[in-house]
Amino acid sequence: MAEDLLINHKRFKTAHKITATKYQKYNSFFNDYAKRKYTLIDNDCLCGAKNDQLISHFDRYSVEFQTVICKDCGLVRASKYFNKENVNDFYKNHYRNIMNHGAGYLNPRDFFERQKLESSGKYELIKKESNMKLEGLKVLDLGGGAGGALDSFKNLNEVYLADFFEPYLKLARIKGIKVIKGGLKEISFKADIVIICHVLEHWNDFENEIERLISIQKKNKTINYIEFPGIDSLKLGRRDGDFFNDIHIPHVYYFTSYVFENLMNRYGFEKVYIDSEIRAIFIYTGIKKGLKNYYNQVKDDLIKAESKRKKLAIRKIVKAFIPNKVLALRQNIIKNYF
């Protein structure tokens, strides 16, 4: 693997000091518990190639953890990852507590309400892009926490939540949602709609998980709504253009919309809708397509994002030295004359 970094900036090369108390729990877990208890193994690219370029030596919380990009397809991923037993331990016993960065996991009712706020957006996008009548269906939220994403679907449909965290499952039961403790291998029915939000990028056994996803599909019928941060949205201003702030250990993969579409095509899924955020809808057709190499395009998008980050950082510095009265006057001029 080449040692020249894709983006030549110190934050990708060396550890930075973490001063915020709320991140100490994360650092302590991965720098202490994980180093003693977990084993890192090679995480080969899903395209099968071993032709990587290094992006970063560290994650956003200054834990040493290499991220690379494949030069044969453009997929960005962790160079090494924990074995299956380690991952099971992490998600069953530690994830919710560590990633909340506070005193324990987020209150189930608060988490449900937070998810509920985005439920109607998912519902409306699926309705618009699929032309499906959203009633009388089996809707599955995979890894859906407290099940708030199902709120807009549950009145006219049979709704299911699959997750591992019992405090969230308990609330989902109270909300009238059928719960399944576990993941895809515990699903025994074929769904009409599968919601996968901020889950797929965590898969450490992608090949097996995607095959399990295929096993619960109604061919040419099941709608798969998939959502997670898209790399190509960084250049548009997401996270102020800073890819480094996307990198943290629970994420195994980082996709642009076009790399993700190509990957899903290779497994027999056809795109219905996708944007750079990523919010996507796919249907399983079983028709598999070939590999495309998007390395140069992903590289260009990351470099454009870095340029965006620098411009926004300079603006913030300049703005800090401009008096509030001047800023207010500028806003009034823009409002009244442009």
C-alpha atoms as a PDB file:
ATOM      1  CA  MET A   1       0.000   0.000   0.000  1.00  0.00           C
ATOM      2  CA  ALA A   2       1.408   3.372  -0.970  1.00  0.00           C
ATOM      3  CA  GLU A   3       2.270   5.638   1.954  1.00  0.00           C
ATOM      4  CA  ASP A   4       1.491   8.893   0.109  1.00  0.00           C
ATOM      5  CA  LEU A   5      -1.737  10.208   1.580  1.00  0.00           C
ATOM      6  CA  LEU A   6      -4.587  11.194  -0.701  1.00  0.00           C
ATOM      7  CA  ILE A   7      -4.870  14.558   1.058  1.00  0.00           C
ATOM      8  CA  ASN A   8      -1.651  16.040   2.381  1.00  0.00           C
ATOM      9  CA  HIS A   9      -2.798  17.551   5.673  1.00  0.00           C
ATOM     10  CA  LYS A  10      -1.498  16.941   9.180  1.00  0.00           C
ATOM     11  CA  ARG A  11      -4.872  15.887  10.616  1.00  0.00           C
ATOM     12  CA  PHE A  12      -4.701  12.726   8.461  1.00  0.00           C
ATOM     13  CA  LYS A  13      -1.102  12.002   9.514  1.00  0.00           C
ATOM     14  CA  THR A  14      -0.739  12.572  13.230  1.00  0.00           C
ATOM     15  CA  ALA A  15      -2.836  12.363  16.380  1.00  0.00           C
ATOM     16  CA  HIS A  16      -4.380  15.566  17.697  1.00  0.00           C
ATOM     17  CA  LYS A  17      -5.193  16.325  21.292  1.00  0.00           C
ATOM     18  CA  ILE A  18      -8.736  15.504  22.388  1.00  0.00           C
ATOM     19  CA  THR A  19      -9.790  17.960  25.086  1.00  0.00           C
ATOM     20  CA  ALA A  20     -13.572  17.450  25.179  1.00  0.00           C
ATOM     21  CA  THR A  21     -14.536  15.290  28.152  1.00  0.00           C
ATOM     22  CA  LYS A  22     -17.441  13.745  26.244  1.00  0.00           C
ATOM     23  CA  TYR A  23     -15.043  11.991  23.839  1.00  0.00           C
ATOM     24  CA  GLN A  24     -12.841  10.493  26.563  1.00  0.00           C
ATOM     25  CA  LYS A  25     -15.142   7.479  26.877  1.00  0.00           C
ATOM     26  CA  TYR A  26     -14.677   6.676  23.184  1.00  0.00           C
ATOM     27  CA  ASN A  27     -10.909   7.130  23.364  1.00  0.00           C
ATOM     28  CA  SER A  28     -10.617   5.045  26.499  1.00  0.00           C
ATOM     29  CA  PHE A  29     -12.611   2.200  24.986  1.00  0.00           C
ATOM     30  CA  PHE A  30     -10.635   1.927  21.736  1.00  0.00           C
ATOM     31  CA  ASN A  31      -7.214   2.767  23.180  1.00  0.00           C
ATOM     32  CA  ASP A  32      -7.600   0.482  26.182  1.00  0.00           C
ATOM     33  CA  TYR A  33     -10.386  -2.130  26.083  1.00  0.00           C
ATOM     34  CA  ALA A  34     -10.307  -2.742  22.318  1.00  0.00           C
ATOM     35  CA  LYS A  35      -6.512  -2.939  22.170  1.00  0.00           C
ATOM     36  CA  ARG A  36      -6.495  -5.542  24.948  1.00  0.00           C
ATOM     37  CA  LYS A  37      -9.578  -7.540  23.979  1.00  0.00           C
ATOM     38  CA  TYR A  38     -10.047  -7.163  20.208  1.00  0.00           C
ATOM     39  CA  THR A  39      -8.115  -8.447  17.204  1.00  0.00           C
ATOM     40  CA  LEU A  40      -7.685  -6.472  13.978  1.00  0.00           C
ATOM     41  CA  ILE A  41      -7.750  -8.455  10.727  1.00  0.00           C
ATOM     42  CA  ASP A  42      -7.329  -7.405   7.081  1.00  0.00           C
ATOM     43  CA  ASN A  43     -10.430  -5.835   5.581  1.00  0.00           C
ATOM     44  CA  ASP A  44      -9.990  -6.495   1.850  1.00  0.00           C
ATOM     45  CA  CYS A  45     -11.879  -4.423  -0.701  1.00  0.00           C
ATOM     46  CA  LEU A  46     -15.250  -5.792  -1.801  1.00  0.00           C
ATOM     47  CA  CYS A  47     -14.048  -5.730  -5.416  1.00  0.00           C
ATOM     48  CA  GLY A  48     -11.304  -8.224  -4.550  1.00  0.00           C
ATOM     49  CA  ALA A  49      -8.366  -5.967  -5.458  1.00  0.00           C
ATOM     50  CA  LYS A  50      -5.454  -5.196  -3.168  1.00  0.00           C
ATOM     51  CA  ASN A  51      -4.417  -1.871  -4.603  1.00  0.00           C
ATOM     52  CA  ASP A  52      -5.015   0.816  -1.972  1.00  0.00           C
ATOM     53  CA  GLN A  53      -3.973   4.351  -1.246  1.00  0.00           C
ATOM     54  CA  LEU A  54      -3.821   5.573   2.333  1.00  0.00           C
ATOM     55  CA  ILE A  55      -6.185   8.376   3.317  1.00  0.00           C
ATOM     56  CA  SER A  56      -5.715   8.657   7.070  1.00  0.00           C
ATOM     57  CA  HIS A  57      -3.745   7.121   9.953  1.00  0.00           C
ATOM     58  CA  PHE A  58      -6.296   8.276  12.544  1.00  0.00           C
ATOM     59  CA  ASP A  59     -10.014   8.686  13.071  1.00  0.00           C
ATOM     60  CA  ARG A  60     -11.707  11.949  14.061  1.00  0.00           C
ATOM     61  CA  TYR A  61     -11.271  11.180  17.776  1.00  0.00           C
ATOM     62  CA  SER A  62      -7.512  10.689  17.362  1.00  0.00           C
ATOM     63  CA  VAL A  63      -7.546   6.901  17.657  1.00  0.00           C
ATOM     64  CA  GLU A  64      -5.043   5.194  15.360  1.00  0.00           C
ATOM     65  CA  PHE A  65      -7.105   3.469  12.648  1.00  0.00           C
ATOM     66  CA  GLN A  66      -6.134   3.477   8.983  1.00  0.00           C
ATOM     67  CA  THR A  67      -8.594   4.423   6.248  1.00  0.00           C
ATOM     68  CA  VAL A  68      -7.814   3.657   2.586  1.00  0.00           C
ATOM     69  CA  ILE A  69      -9.285   4.039  -0.905  1.00  0.00           C
ATOM     70  CA  CYS A  70      -9.213   1.236  -3.473  1.00  0.00           C
ATOM     71  CA  LYS A  71      -7.550   2.311  -6.729  1.00  0.00           C
ATOM     72  CA  ASP A  72      -9.467  -0.366  -8.656  1.00  0.00           C
ATOM     73  CA  CYS A  73     -13.017   0.718  -7.747  1.00  0.00           C
ATOM     74  CA  GLY A  74     -12.974   3.841  -5.536  1.00  0.00           C
ATOM     75  CA  LEU A  75     -14.421   2.272  -2.388  1.00  0.00           C
ATOM     76  CA  VAL A  76     -13.203   3.943   0.814  1.00  0.00           C
ATOM     77  CA  ARG A  77     -12.922   1.641   3.825  1.00  0.00           C
ATOM     78  CA  ALA A  78     -11.083   0.733   7.015  1.00  0.00           C
ATOM     79  CA  SER A  79      -7.825  -1.011   6.106  1.00  0.00           C
ATOM     80  CA  LYS A  80      -8.233  -3.466   8.996  1.00  0.00           C
ATOM     81  CA  TYR A  81     -11.244  -4.256  11.145  1.00  0.00           C
ATOM     82  CA  PHE A  82     -12.166  -6.271  14.215  1.00  0.00           C
ATOM     83  CA  ASN A  83     -13.140  -9.925  13.883  1.00  0.00           C
ATOM     84  CA  LYS A  84     -16.779 -11.069  14.059  1.00  0.00           C
ATOM     85  CA  GLU A  85     -16.709 -11.960  17.757  1.00  0.00           C
ATOM     86  CA  ASN A  86     -15.297  -8.528  18.607  1.00  0.00           C
ATOM     87  CA  VAL A  87     -17.944  -6.760  16.510  1.00  0.00           C
ATOM     88  CA  ASN A  88     -20.744  -8.733  18.178  1.00  0.00           C
ATOM     89  CA  ASP A  89     -19.405  -7.762  21.605  1.00  0.00           C
ATOM     90  CA  PHE A  90     -19.100  -4.110  20.586  1.00  0.00           C
ATOM     91  CA  TYR A  91     -22.628  -3.693  19.252  1.00  0.00           C
ATOM     92  CA  LYS A  92     -24.355  -5.783  21.903  1.00  0.00           C
ATOM     93  CA  ASN A  93     -22.531  -4.407  24.943  1.00  0.00           C
ATOM     94  CA  HIS A  94     -20.811  -1.092  24.194  1.00  0.00           C
ATOM     95  CA  TYR A  95     -21.932   0.798  21.069  1.00  0.00           C
ATOM     96  CA  ARG A  96     -24.942   2.778  22.348  1.00  0.00           C
ATOM     97  CA  ASN A  97     -23.099   3.850  25.485  1.00  0.00           C
ATOM     98  CA  ILE A  98     -19.858   4.859  23.760  1.00  0.00           C
ATOM     99  CA  MET A  99     -21.312   6.684  20.770  1.00  0.00           C
ATOM    100  CA  ASN A 100     -23.722   8.745  22.858  1.00  0.00           C
ATOM    101  CA  HIS A 101     -20.626  10.517  24.274  1.00  0.00           C
ATOM    102  CA  GLY A 102     -22.557  11.177  27.472  1.00  0.00           C
ATOM    103  CA  ALA A 103     -23.655   9.433  30.647  1.00  0.00           C
ATOM    104  CA  GLY A 104     -24.985   6.187  29.201  1.00  0.00           C
ATOM    105  CA  TYR A 105     -27.195   5.676  26.155  1.00  0.00           C
ATOM    106  CA  LEU A 106     -29.717   8.188  24.861  1.00  0.00           C
ATOM    107  CA  ASN A 107     -33.098   7.998  26.597  1.00  0.00           C
ATOM    108  CA  PRO A 108     -35.387   5.682  24.528  1.00  0.00           C
ATOM    109  CA  ARG A 109     -38.259   8.179  24.329  1.00  0.00           C
ATOM    110  CA  ASP A 110     -35.956  11.014  23.312  1.00  0.00           C
ATOM    111  CA  PHE A 111     -34.339   8.794  20.689  1.00  0.00           C
ATOM    112  CA  PHE A 112     -37.731   7.682  19.352  1.00  0.00           C
ATOM    113  CA  GLU A 113     -38.895  11.293  19.027  1.00  0.00           C
ATOM    114  CA  ARG A 114     -35.674  12.250  17.253  1.00  0.00           C
ATOM    115  CA  GLN A 115     -36.175   9.429  14.749  1.00  0.00           C
ATOM    116  CA  LYS A 116     -39.874  10.253  14.397  1.00  0.00           C
ATOM    117  CA  LEU A 117     -39.037  13.757  13.110  1.00  0.00           C
ATOM    118  CA  GLU A 118     -37.462  12.196   9.999  1.00  0.00           C
ATOM    119  CA  SER A 119     -40.050   9.453   9.483  1.00  0.00           C
ATOM    120  CA  SER A 120     -42.394  11.463   7.244  1.00  0.00           C
ATOM    121  CA  GLY A 121     -39.501  12.420   4.931  1.00  0.00           C
ATOM    122  CA  LYS A 122     -38.678   8.769   4.357  1.00  0.00           C
ATOM    123  CA  TYR A 123     -42.360   7.944   3.858  1.00  0.00           C
ATOM    124  CA  GLU A 124     -42.892  10.726   1.304  1.00  0.00           C
ATOM    125  CA  LEU A 125     -39.738   9.906  -0.674  1.00  0.00           C
ATOM    126  CA  ILE A 126     -40.659   6.221  -0.907  1.00  0.00           C
ATOM    127  CA  LYS A 127     -44.225   7.117  -1.901  1.00  0.00           C
ATOM    128  CA  LYS A 128     -43.050   9.571  -4.567  1.00  0.00           C
ATOM    129  CA  GLU A 129     -40.290   7.493  -6.143  1.00  0.00           C
ATOM    130  CA  SER A 130     -41.859   4.029  -5.966  1.00  0.00           C
ATOM    131  CA  ASN A 131     -45.488   4.885  -6.822  1.00  0.00           C
ATOM    132  CA  MET A 132     -46.376   2.215  -4.277  1.00  0.00           C
ATOM    133  CA  LYS A 133     -49.612   2.344  -2.292  1.00  0.00           C
ATOM    134  CA  LEU A 134     -48.243   2.431   1.243  1.00  0.00           C
ATOM    135  CA  GLU A 135     -50.801   0.385   3.085  1.00  0.00           C
ATOM    136  CA  GLY A 136     -51.274  -3.281   3.946  1.00  0.00           C
ATOM    137  CA  LEU A 137     -47.511  -3.874   3.710  1.00  0.00           C
ATOM    138  CA  LYS A 138     -44.827  -5.504   5.850  1.00  0.00           C
ATOM    139  CA  VAL A 139     -42.326  -2.760   6.680  1.00  0.00           C
ATOM    140  CA  LEU A 140     -39.037  -3.711   8.349  1.00  0.00           C
ATOM    141  CA  ASP A 141     -36.659  -1.212   9.973  1.00  0.00           C
ATOM    142  CA  LEU A 142     -33.290  -2.958  10.168  1.00  0.00           C
ATOM    143  CA  GLY A 143     -31.044  -1.764  12.992  1.00  0.00           C
ATOM    144  CA  GLY A 144     -33.574   0.972  13.646  1.00  0.00           C
ATOM    145  CA  GLY A 145     -32.860   1.749  17.300  1.00  0.00           C
ATOM    146  CA  ALA A 146     -36.149   2.698  18.966  1.00  0.00           C
ATOM    147  CA  GLY A 147     -38.223   2.390  15.770  1.00  0.00           C
ATOM    148  CA  GLY A 148     -39.145   6.044  15.359  1.00  0.00           C
ATOM    149  CA  ALA A 149     -38.555   5.855  11.609  1.00  0.00           C
ATOM    150  CA  LEU A 150     -41.612   3.588  11.387  1.00  0.00           C
ATOM    151  CA  ASP A 151     -43.987   6.166  12.853  1.00  0.00           C
ATOM    152  CA  SER A 152     -45.388   7.352   9.498  1.00  0.00           C
ATOM    153  CA  PHE A 153     -45.861   3.763   8.297  1.00  0.00           C
ATOM    154  CA  LYS A 154     -47.398   2.046  11.309  1.00  0.00           C
ATOM    155  CA  ASN A 155     -51.070   3.074  11.099  1.00  0.00           C
ATOM    156  CA  LEU A 156     -51.799   1.304   7.801  1.00  0.00           C
ATOM    157  CA  ASN A 157     -49.047  -1.308   7.727  1.00  0.00           C
ATOM    158  CA  GLU A 158     -47.541  -4.180   9.689  1.00  0.00           C
ATOM    159  CA  VAL A 159     -44.300  -2.741  11.069  1.00  0.00           C
ATOM    160  CA  TYR A 160     -41.239  -4.567  12.414  1.00  0.00           C
ATOM    161  CA  LEU A 161     -38.094  -3.360  14.147  1.00  0.00           C
ATOM    162  CA  ALA A 162     -34.916  -5.470  14.180  1.00  0.00           C
ATOM    163  CA  ASP A 163     -32.266  -4.337  16.661  1.00  0.00           C
ATOM    164  CA  PHE A 164     -30.093  -5.708  19.469  1.00  0.00           C
ATOM    165  CA  PHE A 165     -30.573  -3.078  22.168  1.00  0.00           C
ATOM    166  CA  GLU A 166     -33.267  -4.162  24.634  1.00  0.00           C
ATOM    167  CA  PRO A 167     -34.111  -0.732  26.172  1.00  0.00           C
ATOM    168  CA  TYR A 168     -35.032   0.563  22.689  1.00  0.00           C
ATOM    169  CA  LEU A 169     -36.873  -2.625  21.748  1.00  0.00           C
ATOM    170  CA  LYS A 170     -38.932  -2.331  24.937  1.00  0.00           C
ATOM    171  CA  LEU A 171     -40.168   1.123  23.964  1.00  0.00           C
ATOM    172  CA  ALA A 172     -40.899  -0.022  20.404  1.00  0.00           C
ATOM    173  CA  ARG A 173     -43.192  -2.735  21.799  1.00  0.00           C
ATOM    174  CA  ILE A 174     -45.062  -0.082  23.793  1.00  0.00           C
ATOM    175  CA  LYS A 175     -45.445   1.930  20.560  1.00  0.00           C
ATOM    176  CA  GLY A 176     -47.152  -1.024  18.857  1.00  0.00           C
ATOM    177  CA  ILE A 177     -44.180  -2.139  16.782  1.00  0.00           C
ATOM    178  CA  LYS A 178     -43.358  -5.831  16.383  1.00  0.00           C
ATOM    179  CA  VAL A 179     -39.769  -6.367  17.489  1.00  0.00           C
ATOM    180  CA  ILE A 180     -37.082  -8.823  16.479  1.00  0.00           C
ATOM    181  CA  LYS A 181     -33.996  -8.979  18.683  1.00  0.00           C
ATOM    182  CA  GLY A 182     -31.129  -9.349  16.242  1.00  0.00           C
ATOM    183  CA  GLY A 183     -30.298  -8.646  12.631  1.00  0.00           C
ATOM    184  CA  LEU A 184     -30.984 -10.037   9.172  1.00  0.00           C
ATOM    185  CA  LYS A 185     -30.385 -13.668  10.086  1.00  0.00           C
ATOM    186  CA  GLU A 186     -33.326 -13.476  12.514  1.00  0.00           C
ATOM    187  CA  ILE A 187     -35.779 -12.260   9.826  1.00  0.00           C
ATOM    188  CA  SER A 188     -38.086 -15.103   8.740  1.00  0.00           C
ATOM    189  CA  PHE A 189     -40.351 -13.283   6.259  1.00  0.00           C
ATOM    190  CA  LYS A 190     -40.082 -11.393   2.984  1.00  0.00           C
ATOM    191  CA  ALA A 191     -40.645  -7.672   3.447  1.00  0.00           C
ATOM    192  CA  ASP A 192     -42.400  -5.181   1.183  1.00  0.00           C
ATOM    193  CA  ILE A 193     -40.266  -2.296   2.439  1.00  0.00           C
ATOM    194  CA  VAL A 194     -36.885  -2.522   4.187  1.00  0.00           C
ATOM    195  CA  ILE A 195     -35.532   0.603   5.881  1.00  0.00           C
ATOM    196  CA  ILE A 196     -31.766   0.584   6.457  1.00  0.00           C
ATOM    197  CA  CYS A 197     -30.634   3.885   7.992  1.00  0.00           C
ATOM    198  CA  HIS A 198     -27.037   4.382   9.137  1.00  0.00           C
ATOM    199  CA  VAL A 199     -26.508   0.628   9.283  1.00  0.00           C
ATOM    200  CA  LEU A 200     -25.006  -0.647   6.046  1.00  0.00           C
ATOM    201  CA  GLU A 201     -21.773   1.344   6.441  1.00  0.00           C
ATOM    202  CA  HIS A 202     -21.234  -0.551   9.725  1.00  0.00           C
ATOM    203  CA  TRP A 203     -21.374  -4.028   8.143  1.00  0.00           C
ATOM    204  CA  ASN A 204     -18.103  -5.837   8.788  1.00  0.00           C
ATOM    205  CA  ASP A 205     -19.238  -8.959   6.901  1.00  0.00           C
ATOM    206  CA  PHE A 206     -20.723  -7.261   3.855  1.00  0.00           C
ATOM    207  CA  GLU A 207     -20.912 -10.319   1.574  1.00  0.00           C
ATOM    208  CA  ASN A 208     -22.948 -12.375   4.045  1.00  0.00           C
ATOM    209  CA  GLU A 209     -25.145  -9.470   5.091  1.00  0.00           C
ATOM    210  CA  ILE A 210     -26.070  -8.566   1.510  1.00  0.00           C
ATOM    211  CA  GLU A 211     -26.936 -12.209   0.791  1.00  0.00           C
ATOM    212  CA  ARG A 212     -29.190 -12.222   3.842  1.00  0.00           C
ATOM    213  CA  LEU A 213     -30.785  -9.005   2.605  1.00  0.00           C
ATOM    214  CA  ILE A 214     -31.410 -10.664  -0.766  1.00  0.00           C
ATOM    215  CA  SER A 215     -33.040 -13.634   0.998  1.00  0.00           C
ATOM    216  CA  ILE A 216     -35.857 -11.441   2.387  1.00  0.00           C
ATOM    217  CA  GLN A 217     -36.589  -9.711  -0.935  1.00  0.00           C
ATOM    218  CA  LYS A 218     -39.682 -10.093  -3.073  1.00  0.00           C
ATOM    219  CA  LYS A 219     -37.985 -10.028  -6.444  1.00  0.00           C
ATOM    220  CA  ASN A 220     -38.788  -6.880  -8.445  1.00  0.00           C
ATOM    221  CA  LYS A 221     -41.119  -5.730  -5.660  1.00  0.00           C
ATOM    222  CA  THR A 222     -39.410  -5.076  -2.310  1.00  0.00           C
ATOM    223  CA  ILE A 223     -38.435  -1.438  -1.767  1.00  0.00           C
ATOM    224  CA  ASN A 224     -35.106  -0.950   0.038  1.00  0.00           C
ATOM    225  CA  TYR A 225     -34.721   2.532   1.516  1.00  0.00           C
ATOM    226  CA  ILE A 226     -31.056   3.064   2.439  1.00  0.00           C
ATOM    227  CA  GLU A 227     -29.576   6.122   4.129  1.00  0.00           C
ATOM    228  CA  PHE A 228     -26.101   7.114   5.344  1.00  0.00           C
ATOM    229  CA  PRO A 229     -23.596   9.987   4.796  1.00  0.00           C
ATOM    230  CA  GLY A 230     -22.389  10.208   1.182  1.00  0.00           C
ATOM    231  CA  ILE A 231     -18.830  11.303   0.426  1.00  0.00           C
ATOM    232  CA  ASP A 232     -19.869  13.301  -2.640  1.00  0.00           C
ATOM    233  CA  SER A 233     -22.029  15.576  -0.482  1.00  0.00           C
ATOM    234  CA  LEU A 234     -18.917  16.877   1.310  1.00  0.00           C
ATOM    235  CA  LYS A 235     -17.917  19.076  -1.614  1.00  0.00           C
ATOM    236  CA  LEU A 236     -21.391  20.656  -1.374  1.00  0.00           C
ATOM    237  CA  GLY A 237     -20.758  21.669   2.226  1.00  0.00           C
ATOM    238  CA  ARG A 238     -21.798  18.732   4.433  1.00  0.00           C
ATOM    239  CA  ARG A 239     -19.587  18.756   7.563  1.00  0.00           C
ATOM    240  CA  ASP A 240     -18.068  21.962   6.186  1.00  0.00           C
ATOM    241  CA  GLY A 241     -16.345  19.827   3.560  1.00  0.00           C
ATOM    242  CA  ASP A 242     -14.250  17.905   6.087  1.00  0.00           C
ATOM    243  CA  PHE A 243     -13.996  14.192   5.269  1.00  0.00           C
ATOM    244  CA  PHE A 244     -11.821  13.656   8.351  1.00  0.00           C
ATOM    245  CA  ASN A 245     -14.898  14.313  10.496  1.00  0.00           C
ATOM    246  CA  ASP A 246     -16.689  11.425   8.778  1.00  0.00           C
ATOM    247  CA  ILE A 247     -14.052   8.933   9.906  1.00  0.00           C
ATOM    248  CA  HIS A 248     -14.747   6.987  13.069  1.00  0.00           C
ATOM    249  CA  ILE A 249     -14.192   3.366  13.973  1.00  0.00           C
ATOM    250  CA  PRO A 250     -17.794   2.046  13.868  1.00  0.00           C
ATOM    251  CA  HIS A 251     -17.883   2.906  10.143  1.00  0.00           C
ATOM    252  CA  VAL A 252     -16.256   0.195   8.035  1.00  0.00           C
ATOM    253  CA  TYR A 253     -17.139   1.805   4.677  1.00  0.00           C
ATOM    254  CA  TYR A 254     -17.516   5.306   3.215  1.00  0.00           C
ATOM    255  CA  PHE A 255     -19.400   5.554  -0.088  1.00  0.00           C
ATOM    256  CA  THR A 256     -19.989   8.106  -2.780  1.00  0.00           C
ATOM    257  CA  SER A 257     -23.438   7.730  -4.331  1.00  0.00           C
ATOM    258  CA  TYR A 258     -22.000   6.410  -7.604  1.00  0.00           C
ATOM    259  CA  VAL A 259     -19.660   3.860  -5.968  1.00  0.00           C
ATOM    260  CA  PHE A 260     -22.543   2.644  -3.825  1.00  0.00           C
ATOM    261  CA  GLU A 261     -24.869   2.349  -6.823  1.00  0.00           C
ATOM    262  CA  ASN A 262     -22.230   0.342  -8.695  1.00  0.00           C
ATOM    263  CA  LEU A 263     -21.758  -1.939  -5.683  1.00  0.00           C
ATOM    264  CA  MET A 264     -25.485  -2.589  -5.347  1.00  0.00           C
ATOM    265  CA  ASN A 265     -25.726  -3.217  -9.113  1.00  0.00           C
ATOM    266  CA  ARG A 266     -23.047  -5.891  -8.764  1.00  0.00           C
ATOM    267  CA  TYR A 267     -25.264  -7.730  -6.259  1.00  0.00           C
ATOM    268  CA  GLY A 268     -28.376  -7.508  -8.428  1.00  0.00           C
ATOM    269  CA  PHE A 269     -30.051  -4.368  -7.061  1.00  0.00           C
ATOM    270  CA  GLU A 270     -31.374  -1.660  -9.380  1.00  0.00           C
ATOM    271  CA  LYS A 271     -31.468   2.005  -8.388  1.00  0.00           C
ATOM    272  CA  VAL A 272     -34.847   3.738  -8.209  1.00  0.00           C
ATOM    273  CA  TYR A 273     -33.502   6.905  -6.594  1.00  0.00           C
ATOM    274  CA  ILE A 274     -30.253   8.163  -5.082  1.00  0.00           C
ATOM    275  CA  ASP A 275     -28.764  11.504  -4.073  1.00  0.00           C
ATOM    276  CA  SER A 276     -25.371  12.542  -2.727  1.00  0.00           C
ATOM    277  CA  GLU A 277     -26.471  12.654   0.923  1.00  0.00           C
ATOM    278  CA  ILE A 278     -27.041   9.427   0.549  1.00  0.00           C
ATOM    279  CA  ARG A 279     -30.796   8.751   0.531  1.00  0.00           C
ATOM    280  CA  ALA A 280     -31.416   5.851  -1.825  1.00  0.00           C
ATOM    281  CA  ILE A 281     -34.091   3.448  -2.995  1.00  0.00           C
ATOM    282  CA  PHE A 282     -33.200   0.107  -4.609  1.00  0.00           C
ATOM    283  CA  ILE A 283     -35.187  -2.870  -5.870  1.00  0.00           C
ATOM    284  CA  TYR A 284     -33.682  -6.346  -6.138  1.00  0.00           C
ATOM    285  CA  THR A 285     -33.935  -7.616  -9.733  1.00  0.00           C
ATOM    286  CA  GLY A 286     -31.274 -10.323  -9.617  1.00  0.00           C
ATOM    287  CA  ILE A 287     -29.619  -8.827 -12.698  1.00  0.00           C
ATOM    288  CA  LYS A 288     -25.959  -8.307 -11.810  1.00  0.00           C
ATOM    289  CA  LYS A 289     -23.786  -5.676 -13.481  1.00  0.00           C
ATOM    290  CA  GLY A 290     -20.029  -5.323 -13.786  1.00  0.00           C
ATOM    291  CA  LEU A 291     -17.427  -3.424 -11.798  1.00  0.00           C
ATOM    292  CA  LYS A 292     -16.664   0.184 -12.661  1.00  0.00           C
ATOM    293  CA  ASN A 293     -13.570   2.027 -11.463  1.00  0.00           C
ATOM    294  CA  TYR A 294     -14.458   5.370  -9.870  1.00  0.00           C
ATOM    295  CA  TYR A 295     -11.142   5.965  -8.088  1.00  0.00           C
ATOM    296  CA  ASN A 296     -10.305   9.177  -9.976  1.00  0.00           C
ATOM    297  CA  GLN A 297     -13.810  10.580  -9.497  1.00  0.00           C
ATOM    298  CA  VAL A 298     -13.820   9.839  -5.746  1.00  0.00           C
ATOM    299  CA  LYS A 299     -10.332  11.312  -5.427  1.00  0.00           C
ATOM    300  CA  ASP A 300     -11.482  14.481  -7.216  1.00  0.00           C
ATOM    301  CA  ASP A 301     -14.549  14.743  -4.975  1.00  0.00           C
ATOM    302  CA  LEU A 302     -12.417  14.435  -1.825  1.00  0.00           C
ATOM    303  CA  ILE A 303      -9.970  17.070  -3.097  1.00  0.00           C
ATOM    304  CA  LYS A 304     -12.884  19.406  -3.948  1.00  0.00           C
ATOM    305  CA  ALA A 305     -14.263  18.828  -0.440  1.00  0.00           C
ATOM    306  CA  GLU A 306     -10.889  19.711   1.075  1.00  0.00           C
ATOM    307  CA  SER A 307     -10.831  22.913  -0.971  1.00  0.00           C
ATOM    308  CA  LYS A 308     -14.337  23.697   0.320  1.00  0.00           C
ATOM    309  CA  ARG A 309     -13.167  23.067   3.898  1.00  0.00           C
ATOM    310  CA  LYS A 310     -10.278  25.500   3.545  1.00  0.00           C
ATOM    311  CA  LYS A 311     -12.479  28.234   2.078  1.00  0.00           C
ATOM    312  CA  LEU A 312     -15.071  27.853   4.843  1.00  0.00           C
ATOM    313  CA  ALA A 313     -12.358  27.834   7.511  1.00  0.00           C
ATOM    314  CA  ILE A 314     -10.900  31.093   6.155  1.00  0.00           C
ATOM    315  CA  ARG A 315     -14.371  32.667   6.111  1.00  0.00           C
ATOM    316  CA  LYS A 316     -14.891  31.736   9.769  1.00  0.00           C
ATOM    317  CA  ILE A 317     -11.552  33.268  10.741  1.00  0.00           C
ATOM    318  CA  VAL A 318     -12.293  36.495   8.835  1.00  0.00           C
ATOM    319  CA  LYS A 319     -15.818  36.655  10.258  1.00  0.00           C
ATOM    320  CA  ALA A 320     -14.438  36.363  13.795  1.00  0.00           C
ATOM    321  CA  PHE A 321     -12.603  39.648  13.328  1.00  0.00           C
ATOM    322  CA  ILE A 322     -15.493  41.583  11.773  1.00  0.00           C
ATOM    323  CA  PRO A 323     -17.643  43.540  14.274  1.00  0.00           C
ATOM    324  CA  ASN A 324     -21.250  42.373  14.655  1.00  0.00           C
ATOM    325  CA  LYS A 325     -22.547  45.774  13.533  1.00  0.00           C
ATOM    326  CA  VAL A 326     -20.691  45.448  10.234  1.00  0.00           C
ATOM    327  CA  LEU A 327     -22.050  41.924   9.724  1.00  0.00           C
ATOM    328  CA  ALA A 328     -25.601  43.112  10.434  1.00  0.00           C
ATOM    329  CA  LEU A 329     -25.198  45.989   7.980  1.00  0.00           C
ATOM    330  CA  ARG A 330     -23.922  43.577   5.316  1.00  0.00           C
ATOM    331  CA  GLN A 331     -26.946  41.291   5.821  1.00  0.00           C
ATOM    332  CA  ASN A 332     -29.343  44.245   5.495  1.00  0.00           C
ATOM    333  CA  ILE A 333     -27.705  45.383   2.270  1.00  0.00           C
ATOM    334  CA  ILE A 334     -27.943  41.874   0.795  1.00  0.00           C
ATOM    335  CA  LYS A 335     -31.578  41.556   1.926  1.00  0.00           C
ATOM    336  CA  ASN A 336     -32.713  44.917   0.568  1.00  0.00           C
ATOM    337  CA  TYR A 337     -30.705  45.325  -2.610  1.00  0.00           C
ATOM    338  CA  PHE A 338     -29.959  41.871  -4.027  1.00  0.00           C
END
